[in-house]
Amino acid sequence: MFSDAESRRDEWERLLPFFNGIISNDHENIIIVSYGHLLSVFNAMWLAMDIEMLNKVELFGFAGGVSFMHESVHGKRFIKRMSDMSYIEQITIPIYIIKLIQRIF
């Protein structure tokens, strides 16, 4: 372990002002880009979990994954899709990359 690494509590405390800003915002759509480990903390906050739950569950996101979160008019929060990577299947790989890969293998 690294002695100066952030703990889950440190991450939670650092993310809390940002999260509160998101919650109090009235925009319909908000895009958040982060790395998977910190997204785990954000997901727990979104689901109104206590910080101690992070010792028992992991809500990890994949690099490049897209999550769809929603809050109903009654304040109930949902994660409709979590760390979805299906959009990658729709990306067209340029032919020169395919040829390069074929040459290597």
PDB file of N, CA and C in Angstrom:
ATOM      1  N   MET A   1       0.851  -1.184   0.000  1.00  0.00           N
ATOM      2  CA  MET A   1       0.000   0.000   0.000  1.00  0.00           C
ATOM      3  C   MET A   1       0.888   1.237   0.000  1.00  0.00           C
ATOM      4  N   PHE A   2       0.339   2.301  -0.536  1.00  0.00           N
ATOM      5  CA  PHE A   2       1.036   3.574  -0.565  1.00  0.00           C
ATOM      6  C   PHE A   2       0.566   4.410   0.618  1.00  0.00           C
ATOM      7  N   SER A   3       1.510   4.906   1.383  1.00  0.00           N
ATOM      8  CA  SER A   3       1.147   5.641   2.593  1.00  0.00           C
ATOM      9  C   SER A   3       0.410   6.942   2.296  1.00  0.00           C
ATOM     10  N   ASP A   4       0.631   7.533   1.124  1.00  0.00           N
ATOM     11  CA  ASP A   4      -0.016   8.804   0.816  1.00  0.00           C
ATOM     12  C   ASP A   4      -1.200   8.653  -0.136  1.00  0.00           C
ATOM     13  N   ALA A   5      -1.652   7.434  -0.360  1.00  0.00           N
ATOM     14  CA  ALA A   5      -2.792   7.189  -1.258  1.00  0.00           C
ATOM     15  C   ALA A   5      -4.090   7.631  -0.587  1.00  0.00           C
ATOM     16  N   GLU A   6      -5.060   8.008  -1.413  1.00  0.00           N
ATOM     17  CA  GLU A   6      -6.367   8.402  -0.894  1.00  0.00           C
ATOM     18  C   GLU A   6      -7.123   7.187  -0.386  1.00  0.00           C
ATOM     19  N   SER A   7      -7.753   7.334   0.749  1.00  0.00           N
ATOM     20  CA  SER A   7      -8.642   6.291   1.251  1.00  0.00           C
ATOM     21  C   SER A   7     -10.018   6.492   0.616  1.00  0.00           C
ATOM     22  N   ARG A   8     -10.888   5.533   0.809  1.00  0.00           N
ATOM     23  CA  ARG A   8     -12.262   5.687   0.319  1.00  0.00           C
ATOM     24  C   ARG A   8     -12.921   6.906   0.971  1.00  0.00           C
ATOM     25  N   ARG A   9     -12.642   7.107   2.237  1.00  0.00           N
ATOM     26  CA  ARG A   9     -13.206   8.269   2.940  1.00  0.00           C
ATOM     27  C   ARG A   9     -12.666   9.569   2.336  1.00  0.00           C
ATOM     28  N   ASP A  10     -11.374   9.602   2.014  1.00  0.00           N
ATOM     29  CA  ASP A  10     -10.788  10.788   1.369  1.00  0.00           C
ATOM     30  C   ASP A  10     -11.483  11.065   0.033  1.00  0.00           C
ATOM     31  N   GLU A  11     -11.677  10.009  -0.742  1.00  0.00           N
ATOM     32  CA  GLU A  11     -12.358  10.163  -2.032  1.00  0.00           C
ATOM     33  C   GLU A  11     -13.777  10.691  -1.833  1.00  0.00           C
ATOM     34  N   TRP A  12     -14.453  10.105  -0.852  1.00  0.00           N
ATOM     35  CA  TRP A  12     -15.831  10.504  -0.556  1.00  0.00           C
ATOM     36  C   TRP A  12     -15.878  11.996  -0.209  1.00  0.00           C
ATOM     37  N   GLU A  13     -14.997  12.422   0.677  1.00  0.00           N
ATOM     38  CA  GLU A  13     -14.974  13.828   1.107  1.00  0.00           C
ATOM     39  C   GLU A  13     -14.623  14.759  -0.047  1.00  0.00           C
ATOM     40  N   ARG A  14     -13.728  14.338  -0.918  1.00  0.00           N
ATOM     41  CA  ARG A  14     -13.342  15.162  -2.066  1.00  0.00           C
ATOM     42  C   ARG A  14     -14.472  15.245  -3.087  1.00  0.00           C
ATOM     43  N   LEU A  15     -15.211  14.157  -3.253  1.00  0.00           N
ATOM     44  CA  LEU A  15     -16.276  14.097  -4.252  1.00  0.00           C
ATOM     45  C   LEU A  15     -17.591  14.726  -3.764  1.00  0.00           C
ATOM     46  N   LEU A  16     -17.795  14.790  -2.470  1.00  0.00           N
ATOM     47  CA  LEU A  16     -19.074  15.243  -1.914  1.00  0.00           C
ATOM     48  C   LEU A  16     -19.511  16.630  -2.393  1.00  0.00           C
ATOM     49  N   PRO A  17     -18.647  17.655  -2.391  1.00  0.00           N
ATOM     50  CA  PRO A  17     -19.103  18.966  -2.902  1.00  0.00           C
ATOM     51  C   PRO A  17     -19.529  18.910  -4.373  1.00  0.00           C
ATOM     52  N   PHE A  18     -18.800  18.158  -5.186  1.00  0.00           N
ATOM     53  CA  PHE A  18     -19.159  17.992  -6.591  1.00  0.00           C
ATOM     54  C   PHE A  18     -20.510  17.292  -6.710  1.00  0.00           C
ATOM     55  N   PHE A  19     -20.701  16.219  -5.957  1.00  0.00           N
ATOM     56  CA  PHE A  19     -21.957  15.475  -5.979  1.00  0.00           C
ATOM     57  C   PHE A  19     -23.120  16.366  -5.569  1.00  0.00           C
ATOM     58  N   ASN A  20     -22.950  17.126  -4.505  1.00  0.00           N
ATOM     59  CA  ASN A  20     -24.014  18.022  -4.046  1.00  0.00           C
ATOM     60  C   ASN A  20     -24.354  19.069  -5.106  1.00  0.00           C
ATOM     61  N   GLY A  21     -23.333  19.531  -5.841  1.00  0.00           N
ATOM     62  CA  GLY A  21     -23.577  20.464  -6.930  1.00  0.00           C
ATOM     63  C   GLY A  21     -24.393  19.839  -8.044  1.00  0.00           C
ATOM     64  N   ILE A  22     -24.116  18.573  -8.344  1.00  0.00           N
ATOM     65  CA  ILE A  22     -24.875  17.850  -9.365  1.00  0.00           C
ATOM     66  C   ILE A  22     -26.330  17.699  -8.922  1.00  0.00           C
ATOM     67  N   ILE A  23     -26.527  17.312  -7.682  1.00  0.00           N
ATOM     68  CA  ILE A  23     -27.873  17.064  -7.164  1.00  0.00           C
ATOM     69  C   ILE A  23     -28.705  18.346  -7.141  1.00  0.00           C
ATOM     70  N   SER A  24     -28.080  19.455  -6.829  1.00  0.00           N
ATOM     71  CA  SER A  24     -28.820  20.718  -6.738  1.00  0.00           C
ATOM     72  C   SER A  24     -28.966  21.406  -8.100  1.00  0.00           C
ATOM     73  N   ASN A  25     -28.378  20.835  -9.136  1.00  0.00           N
ATOM     74  CA  ASN A  25     -28.417  21.407 -10.468  1.00  0.00           C
ATOM     75  C   ASN A  25     -29.744  21.060 -11.132  1.00  0.00           C
ATOM     76  N   ASP A  26     -30.284  21.988 -11.920  1.00  0.00           N
ATOM     77  CA  ASP A  26     -31.567  21.716 -12.569  1.00  0.00           C
ATOM     78  C   ASP A  26     -31.443  21.359 -14.049  1.00  0.00           C
ATOM     79  N   HIS A  27     -30.232  21.092 -14.518  1.00  0.00           N
ATOM     80  CA  HIS A  27     -30.061  20.663 -15.909  1.00  0.00           C
ATOM     81  C   HIS A  27     -30.654  19.270 -16.100  1.00  0.00           C
ATOM     82  N   GLU A  28     -31.212  19.043 -17.267  1.00  0.00           N
ATOM     83  CA  GLU A  28     -31.829  17.747 -17.549  1.00  0.00           C
ATOM     84  C   GLU A  28     -30.779  16.668 -17.793  1.00  0.00           C
ATOM     85  N   ASN A  29     -29.698  17.009 -18.494  1.00  0.00           N
ATOM     86  CA  ASN A  29     -28.649  16.047 -18.816  1.00  0.00           C
ATOM     87  C   ASN A  29     -27.302  16.584 -18.364  1.00  0.00           C
ATOM     88  N   ILE A  30     -26.556  15.747 -17.693  1.00  0.00           N
ATOM     89  CA  ILE A  30     -25.222  16.103 -17.220  1.00  0.00           C
ATOM     90  C   ILE A  30     -24.281  14.954 -17.576  1.00  0.00           C
ATOM     91  N   ILE A  31     -23.126  15.277 -18.136  1.00  0.00           N
ATOM     92  CA  ILE A  31     -22.136  14.258 -18.473  1.00  0.00           C
ATOM     93  C   ILE A  31     -20.987  14.372 -17.491  1.00  0.00           C
ATOM     94  N   ILE A  32     -20.633  13.256 -16.891  1.00  0.00           N
ATOM     95  CA  ILE A  32     -19.529  13.190 -15.932  1.00  0.00           C
ATOM     96  C   ILE A  32     -18.502  12.215 -16.479  1.00  0.00           C
ATOM     97  N   VAL A  33     -17.257  12.640 -16.529  1.00  0.00           N
ATOM     98  CA  VAL A  33     -16.176  11.774 -16.993  1.00  0.00           C
ATOM     99  C   VAL A  33     -15.200  11.586 -15.839  1.00  0.00           C
ATOM    100  N   SER A  34     -14.898  10.336 -15.538  1.00  0.00           N
ATOM    101  CA  SER A  34     -13.986  10.038 -14.438  1.00  0.00           C
ATOM    102  C   SER A  34     -13.407   8.653 -14.647  1.00  0.00           C
ATOM    103  N   TYR A  35     -12.572   8.233 -13.735  1.00  0.00           N
ATOM    104  CA  TYR A  35     -12.025   6.887 -13.782  1.00  0.00           C
ATOM    105  C   TYR A  35     -12.876   5.963 -12.912  1.00  0.00           C
ATOM    106  N   GLY A  36     -12.779   4.683 -13.166  1.00  0.00           N
ATOM    107  CA  GLY A  36     -13.660   3.698 -12.559  1.00  0.00           C
ATOM    108  C   GLY A  36     -13.728   3.708 -11.043  1.00  0.00           C
ATOM    109  N   HIS A  37     -12.594   3.853 -10.380  1.00  0.00           N
ATOM    110  CA  HIS A  37     -12.582   3.771  -8.925  1.00  0.00           C
ATOM    111  C   HIS A  37     -13.393   4.904  -8.300  1.00  0.00           C
ATOM    112  N   LEU A  38     -13.211   6.113  -8.796  1.00  0.00           N
ATOM    113  CA  LEU A  38     -13.965   7.242  -8.252  1.00  0.00           C
ATOM    114  C   LEU A  38     -15.437   7.167  -8.647  1.00  0.00           C
ATOM    115  N   LEU A  39     -15.720   6.571  -9.800  1.00  0.00           N
ATOM    116  CA  LEU A  39     -17.114   6.380 -10.194  1.00  0.00           C
ATOM    117  C   LEU A  39     -17.833   5.439  -9.227  1.00  0.00           C
ATOM    118  N   SER A  40     -17.103   4.513  -8.653  1.00  0.00           N
ATOM    119  CA  SER A  40     -17.685   3.616  -7.658  1.00  0.00           C
ATOM    120  C   SER A  40     -18.221   4.425  -6.478  1.00  0.00           C
ATOM    121  N   VAL A  41     -17.455   5.409  -6.055  1.00  0.00           N
ATOM    122  CA  VAL A  41     -17.886   6.279  -4.952  1.00  0.00           C
ATOM    123  C   VAL A  41     -19.095   7.106  -5.387  1.00  0.00           C
ATOM    124  N   PHE A  42     -19.028   7.673  -6.599  1.00  0.00           N
ATOM    125  CA  PHE A  42     -20.151   8.464  -7.106  1.00  0.00           C
ATOM    126  C   PHE A  42     -21.415   7.615  -7.192  1.00  0.00           C
ATOM    127  N   ASN A  43     -21.302   6.390  -7.705  1.00  0.00           N
ATOM    128  CA  ASN A  43     -22.466   5.495  -7.803  1.00  0.00           C
ATOM    129  C   ASN A  43     -23.071   5.224  -6.440  1.00  0.00           C
ATOM    130  N   ALA A  44     -22.226   5.010  -5.438  1.00  0.00           N
ATOM    131  CA  ALA A  44     -22.723   4.778  -4.075  1.00  0.00           C
ATOM    132  C   ALA A  44     -23.455   6.013  -3.552  1.00  0.00           C
ATOM    133  N   MET A  45     -22.896   7.187  -3.803  1.00  0.00           N
ATOM    134  CA  MET A  45     -23.572   8.424  -3.389  1.00  0.00           C
ATOM    135  C   MET A  45     -24.922   8.553  -4.092  1.00  0.00           C
ATOM    136  N   TRP A  46     -24.930   8.274  -5.411  1.00  0.00           N
ATOM    137  CA  TRP A  46     -26.155   8.388  -6.191  1.00  0.00           C
ATOM    138  C   TRP A  46     -27.255   7.498  -5.613  1.00  0.00           C
ATOM    139  N   LEU A  47     -26.875   6.309  -5.164  1.00  0.00           N
ATOM    140  CA  LEU A  47     -27.846   5.365  -4.606  1.00  0.00           C
ATOM    141  C   LEU A  47     -28.103   5.590  -3.117  1.00  0.00           C
ATOM    142  N   ALA A  48     -27.607   6.709  -2.591  1.00  0.00           N
ATOM    143  CA  ALA A  48     -27.806   7.105  -1.188  1.00  0.00           C
ATOM    144  C   ALA A  48     -27.259   6.074  -0.207  1.00  0.00           C
ATOM    145  N   MET A  49     -26.176   5.436  -0.601  1.00  0.00           N
ATOM    146  CA  MET A  49     -25.525   4.478   0.295  1.00  0.00           C
ATOM    147  C   MET A  49     -24.654   5.232   1.298  1.00  0.00           C
ATOM    148  N   ASP A  50     -24.474   4.635   2.427  1.00  0.00           N
ATOM    149  CA  ASP A  50     -23.565   5.168   3.437  1.00  0.00           C
ATOM    150  C   ASP A  50     -22.131   4.863   3.023  1.00  0.00           C
ATOM    151  N   ILE A  51     -21.212   5.708   3.405  1.00  0.00           N
ATOM    152  CA  ILE A  51     -19.811   5.516   3.039  1.00  0.00           C
ATOM    153  C   ILE A  51     -19.277   4.156   3.484  1.00  0.00           C
ATOM    154  N   GLU A  52     -19.765   3.647   4.586  1.00  0.00           N
ATOM    155  CA  GLU A  52     -19.298   2.357   5.093  1.00  0.00           C
ATOM    156  C   GLU A  52     -19.674   1.195   4.168  1.00  0.00           C
ATOM    157  N   MET A  53     -20.703   1.389   3.346  1.00  0.00           N
ATOM    158  CA  MET A  53     -21.102   0.337   2.399  1.00  0.00           C
ATOM    159  C   MET A  53     -20.004   0.081   1.368  1.00  0.00           C
ATOM    160  N   LEU A  54     -19.125   1.049   1.148  1.00  0.00           N
ATOM    161  CA  LEU A  54     -18.038   0.865   0.181  1.00  0.00           C
ATOM    162  C   LEU A  54     -17.048  -0.205   0.630  1.00  0.00           C
ATOM    163  N   ASN A  55     -17.117  -0.588   1.900  1.00  0.00           N
ATOM    164  CA  ASN A  55     -16.297  -1.699   2.387  1.00  0.00           C
ATOM    165  C   ASN A  55     -16.942  -3.048   2.062  1.00  0.00           C
ATOM    166  N   LYS A  56     -18.215  -3.022   1.648  1.00  0.00           N
ATOM    167  CA  LYS A  56     -18.948  -4.264   1.411  1.00  0.00           C
ATOM    168  C   LYS A  56     -19.337  -4.478  -0.048  1.00  0.00           C
ATOM    169  N   VAL A  57     -19.423  -3.403  -0.825  1.00  0.00           N
ATOM    170  CA  VAL A  57     -19.841  -3.516  -2.229  1.00  0.00           C
ATOM    171  C   VAL A  57     -18.884  -2.735  -3.119  1.00  0.00           C
ATOM    172  N   GLU A  58     -18.894  -3.090  -4.371  1.00  0.00           N
ATOM    173  CA  GLU A  58     -18.096  -2.371  -5.375  1.00  0.00           C
ATOM    174  C   GLU A  58     -19.009  -2.085  -6.558  1.00  0.00           C
ATOM    175  N   LEU A  59     -19.139  -0.821  -6.908  1.00  0.00           N
ATOM    176  CA  LEU A  59     -19.963  -0.395  -8.038  1.00  0.00           C
ATOM    177  C   LEU A  59     -19.049   0.188  -9.097  1.00  0.00           C
ATOM    178  N   PHE A  60     -18.087  -0.604  -9.501  1.00  0.00           N
ATOM    179  CA  PHE A  60     -16.996  -0.155 -10.362  1.00  0.00           C
ATOM    180  C   PHE A  60     -17.470   0.126 -11.781  1.00  0.00           C
ATOM    181  N   GLY A  61     -16.851   1.116 -12.400  1.00  0.00           N
ATOM    182  CA  GLY A  61     -17.131   1.438 -13.791  1.00  0.00           C
ATOM    183  C   GLY A  61     -15.927   1.112 -14.651  1.00  0.00           C
ATOM    184  N   PHE A  62     -16.168   0.673 -15.879  1.00  0.00           N
ATOM    185  CA  PHE A  62     -15.080   0.377 -16.813  1.00  0.00           C
ATOM    186  C   PHE A  62     -14.606   1.664 -17.478  1.00  0.00           C
ATOM    187  N   ALA A  63     -13.316   1.723 -17.814  1.00  0.00           N
ATOM    188  CA  ALA A  63     -12.789   2.853 -18.566  1.00  0.00           C
ATOM    189  C   ALA A  63     -13.528   2.932 -19.889  1.00  0.00           C
ATOM    190  N   GLY A  64     -14.129   4.060 -20.165  1.00  0.00           N
ATOM    191  CA  GLY A  64     -14.899   4.228 -21.390  1.00  0.00           C
ATOM    192  C   GLY A  64     -16.351   3.817 -21.261  1.00  0.00           C
ATOM    193  N   GLY A  65     -16.715   3.244 -20.113  1.00  0.00           N
ATOM    194  CA  GLY A  65     -18.096   2.821 -19.908  1.00  0.00           C
ATOM    195  C   GLY A  65     -19.021   4.009 -19.711  1.00  0.00           C
ATOM    196  N   VAL A  66     -20.261   3.845 -20.122  1.00  0.00           N
ATOM    197  CA  VAL A  66     -21.264   4.902 -20.009  1.00  0.00           C
ATOM    198  C   VAL A  66     -22.390   4.405 -19.113  1.00  0.00           C
ATOM    199  N   SER A  67     -22.714   5.194 -18.102  1.00  0.00           N
ATOM    200  CA  SER A  67     -23.821   4.856 -17.205  1.00  0.00           C
ATOM    201  C   SER A  67     -24.946   5.856 -17.413  1.00  0.00           C
ATOM    202  N   PHE A  68     -26.163   5.370 -17.300  1.00  0.00           N
ATOM    203  CA  PHE A  68     -27.336   6.221 -17.434  1.00  0.00           C
ATOM    204  C   PHE A  68     -28.054   6.240 -16.087  1.00  0.00           C
ATOM    205  N   MET A  69     -28.070   7.406 -15.476  1.00  0.00           N
ATOM    206  CA  MET A  69     -28.692   7.568 -14.166  1.00  0.00           C
ATOM    207  C   MET A  69     -29.904   8.484 -14.319  1.00  0.00           C
ATOM    208  N   HIS A  70     -30.888   8.245 -13.483  1.00  0.00           N
ATOM    209  CA  HIS A  70     -32.126   9.010 -13.584  1.00  0.00           C
ATOM    210  C   HIS A  70     -32.685   9.217 -12.178  1.00  0.00           C
ATOM    211  N   GLU A  71     -33.289  10.385 -11.991  1.00  0.00           N
ATOM    212  CA  GLU A  71     -34.003  10.641 -10.739  1.00  0.00           C
ATOM    213  C   GLU A  71     -35.449  10.960 -11.095  1.00  0.00           C
ATOM    214  N   SER A  72     -36.370  10.234 -10.483  1.00  0.00           N
ATOM    215  CA  SER A  72     -37.794  10.425 -10.779  1.00  0.00           C
ATOM    216  C   SER A  72     -38.271  11.743 -10.168  1.00  0.00           C
ATOM    217  N   VAL A  73     -39.469  12.149 -10.561  1.00  0.00           N
ATOM    218  CA  VAL A  73     -40.051  13.386 -10.005  1.00  0.00           C
ATOM    219  C   VAL A  73     -40.294  13.248  -8.502  1.00  0.00           C
ATOM    220  N   HIS A  74     -40.314  12.013  -8.013  1.00  0.00           N
ATOM    221  CA  HIS A  74     -40.514  11.761  -6.580  1.00  0.00           C
ATOM    222  C   HIS A  74     -39.192  11.625  -5.828  1.00  0.00           C
ATOM    223  N   GLY A  75     -38.066  11.807  -6.545  1.00  0.00           N
ATOM    224  CA  GLY A  75     -36.754  11.758  -5.899  1.00  0.00           C
ATOM    225  C   GLY A  75     -36.118  10.384  -5.826  1.00  0.00           C
ATOM    226  N   LYS A  76     -36.749   9.383  -6.409  1.00  0.00           N
ATOM    227  CA  LYS A  76     -36.166   8.042  -6.409  1.00  0.00           C
ATOM    228  C   LYS A  76     -35.098   7.976  -7.494  1.00  0.00           C
ATOM    229  N   ARG A  77     -33.929   7.475  -7.139  1.00  0.00           N
ATOM    230  CA  ARG A  77     -32.793   7.431  -8.062  1.00  0.00           C
ATOM    231  C   ARG A  77     -32.607   6.032  -8.642  1.00  0.00           C
ATOM    232  N   PHE A  78     -32.265   6.008  -9.923  1.00  0.00           N
ATOM    233  CA  PHE A  78     -32.056   4.769 -10.663  1.00  0.00           C
ATOM    234  C   PHE A  78     -30.709   4.817 -11.372  1.00  0.00           C
ATOM    235  N   ILE A  79     -30.098   3.668 -11.536  1.00  0.00           N
ATOM    236  CA  ILE A  79     -29.015   3.499 -12.492  1.00  0.00           C
ATOM    237  C   ILE A  79     -29.594   2.566 -13.545  1.00  0.00           C
ATOM    238  N   LYS A  80     -29.969   3.141 -14.686  1.00  0.00           N
ATOM    239  CA  LYS A  80     -30.635   2.361 -15.728  1.00  0.00           C
ATOM    240  C   LYS A  80     -29.658   1.466 -16.476  1.00  0.00           C
ATOM    241  N   ARG A  81     -28.479   1.952 -16.724  1.00  0.00           N
ATOM    242  CA  ARG A  81     -27.392   1.166 -17.317  1.00  0.00           C
ATOM    243  C   ARG A  81     -26.127   1.565 -16.595  1.00  0.00           C
ATOM    244  N   MET A  82     -25.280   0.589 -16.344  1.00  0.00           N
ATOM    245  CA  MET A  82     -24.056   0.879 -15.603  1.00  0.00           C
ATOM    246  C   MET A  82     -22.852   0.400 -16.396  1.00  0.00           C
ATOM    247  N   SER A  83     -21.969   1.340 -16.690  1.00  0.00           N
ATOM    248  CA  SER A  83     -20.712   1.036 -17.368  1.00  0.00           C
ATOM    249  C   SER A  83     -20.928   0.300 -18.693  1.00  0.00           C
ATOM    250  N   ASP A  84     -21.900   0.770 -19.446  1.00  0.00           N
ATOM    251  CA  ASP A  84     -22.267   0.161 -20.728  1.00  0.00           C
ATOM    252  C   ASP A  84     -21.166   0.406 -21.759  1.00  0.00           C
ATOM    253  N   MET A  85     -20.721  -0.654 -22.415  1.00  0.00           N
ATOM    254  CA  MET A  85     -19.668  -0.560 -23.427  1.00  0.00           C
ATOM    255  C   MET A  85     -20.202  -0.907 -24.819  1.00  0.00           C
ATOM    256  N   SER A  86     -21.506  -1.047 -24.982  1.00  0.00           N
ATOM    257  CA  SER A  86     -22.064  -1.505 -26.243  1.00  0.00           C
ATOM    258  C   SER A  86     -21.784  -0.545 -27.397  1.00  0.00           C
ATOM    259  N   TYR A  87     -21.577   0.712 -27.115  1.00  0.00           N
ATOM    260  CA  TYR A  87     -21.310   1.666 -28.194  1.00  0.00           C
ATOM    261  C   TYR A  87     -20.005   1.344 -28.925  1.00  0.00           C
ATOM    262  N   ILE A  88     -19.084   0.658 -28.271  1.00  0.00           N
ATOM    263  CA  ILE A  88     -17.800   0.335 -28.887  1.00  0.00           C
ATOM    264  C   ILE A  88     -17.994  -0.607 -30.071  1.00  0.00           C
ATOM    265  N   GLU A  89     -18.995  -1.468 -30.013  1.00  0.00           N
ATOM    266  CA  GLU A  89     -19.277  -2.386 -31.115  1.00  0.00           C
ATOM    267  C   GLU A  89     -19.646  -1.628 -32.387  1.00  0.00           C
ATOM    268  N   GLN A  90     -20.104  -0.393 -32.238  1.00  0.00           N
ATOM    269  CA  GLN A  90     -20.554   0.384 -33.379  1.00  0.00           C
ATOM    270  C   GLN A  90     -19.431   1.221 -34.003  1.00  0.00           C
ATOM    271  N   ILE A  91     -18.265   1.214 -33.400  1.00  0.00           N
ATOM    272  CA  ILE A  91     -17.149   2.007 -33.915  1.00  0.00           C
ATOM    273  C   ILE A  91     -16.512   1.265 -35.083  1.00  0.00           C
ATOM    274  N   THR A  92     -16.291   1.963 -36.166  1.00  0.00           N
ATOM    275  CA  THR A  92     -15.650   1.381 -37.342  1.00  0.00           C
ATOM    276  C   THR A  92     -14.145   1.573 -37.232  1.00  0.00           C
ATOM    277  N   ILE A  93     -13.416   0.497 -37.324  1.00  0.00           N
ATOM    278  CA  ILE A  93     -11.954   0.563 -37.249  1.00  0.00           C
ATOM    279  C   ILE A  93     -11.419   0.861 -38.648  1.00  0.00           C
ATOM    280  N   PRO A  94     -10.605   1.917 -38.779  1.00  0.00           N
ATOM    281  CA  PRO A  94     -10.046   2.230 -40.102  1.00  0.00           C
ATOM    282  C   PRO A  94      -9.288   1.034 -40.687  1.00  0.00           C
ATOM    283  N   ILE A  95      -9.365   0.874 -41.992  1.00  0.00           N
ATOM    284  CA  ILE A  95      -8.779  -0.271 -42.691  1.00  0.00           C
ATOM    285  C   ILE A  95      -7.272  -0.374 -42.475  1.00  0.00           C
ATOM    286  N   TYR A  96      -6.563   0.768 -42.359  1.00  0.00           N
ATOM    287  CA  TYR A  96      -5.116   0.689 -42.160  1.00  0.00           C
ATOM    288  C   TYR A  96      -4.760   0.074 -40.811  1.00  0.00           C
ATOM    289  N   ILE A  97      -5.611   0.242 -39.810  1.00  0.00           N
ATOM    290  CA  ILE A  97      -5.353  -0.387 -38.506  1.00  0.00           C
ATOM    291  C   ILE A  97      -5.577  -1.892 -38.616  1.00  0.00           C
ATOM    292  N   ILE A  98      -6.621  -2.287 -39.325  1.00  0.00           N
ATOM    293  CA  ILE A  98      -6.877  -3.720 -39.519  1.00  0.00           C
ATOM    294  C   ILE A  98      -5.700  -4.372 -40.234  1.00  0.00           C
ATOM    295  N   LYS A  99      -5.184  -3.743 -41.286  1.00  0.00           N
ATOM    296  CA  LYS A  99      -4.065  -4.294 -42.019  1.00  0.00           C
ATOM    297  C   LYS A  99      -2.809  -4.371 -41.150  1.00  0.00           C
ATOM    298  N   LEU A 100      -2.601  -3.371 -40.315  1.00  0.00           N
ATOM    299  CA  LEU A 100      -1.463  -3.368 -39.397  1.00  0.00           C
ATOM    300  C   LEU A 100      -1.566  -4.538 -38.420  1.00  0.00           C
ATOM    301  N   ILE A 101      -2.743  -4.755 -37.898  1.00  0.00           N
ATOM    302  CA  ILE A 101      -2.954  -5.861 -36.957  1.00  0.00           C
ATOM    303  C   ILE A 101      -2.726  -7.205 -37.663  1.00  0.00           C
ATOM    304  N   GLN A 102      -3.210  -7.320 -38.876  1.00  0.00           N
ATOM    305  CA  GLN A 102      -3.032  -8.572 -39.627  1.00  0.00           C
ATOM    306  C   GLN A 102      -1.557  -8.841 -39.876  1.00  0.00           C
ATOM    307  N   ARG A 103      -0.776  -7.796 -40.147  1.00  0.00           N
ATOM    308  CA  ARG A 103       0.654  -7.977 -40.373  1.00  0.00           C
ATOM    309  C   ARG A 103       1.369  -8.438 -39.099  1.00  0.00           C
ATOM    310  N   ILE A 104       0.945  -7.939 -37.973  1.00  0.00           N
ATOM    311  CA  ILE A 104       1.594  -8.297 -36.696  1.00  0.00           C
ATOM    312  C   ILE A 104       1.311  -9.753 -36.348  1.00  0.00           C
ATOM    313  N   PHE A 105       0.102 -10.211 -36.591  1.00  0.00           N
ATOM    314  CA  PHE A 105      -0.289 -11.559 -36.206  1.00  0.00           C
ATOM    315  C   PHE A 105      -0.232 -12.471 -37.410  1.00  0.00           C
TER     316      PHE A 105
END
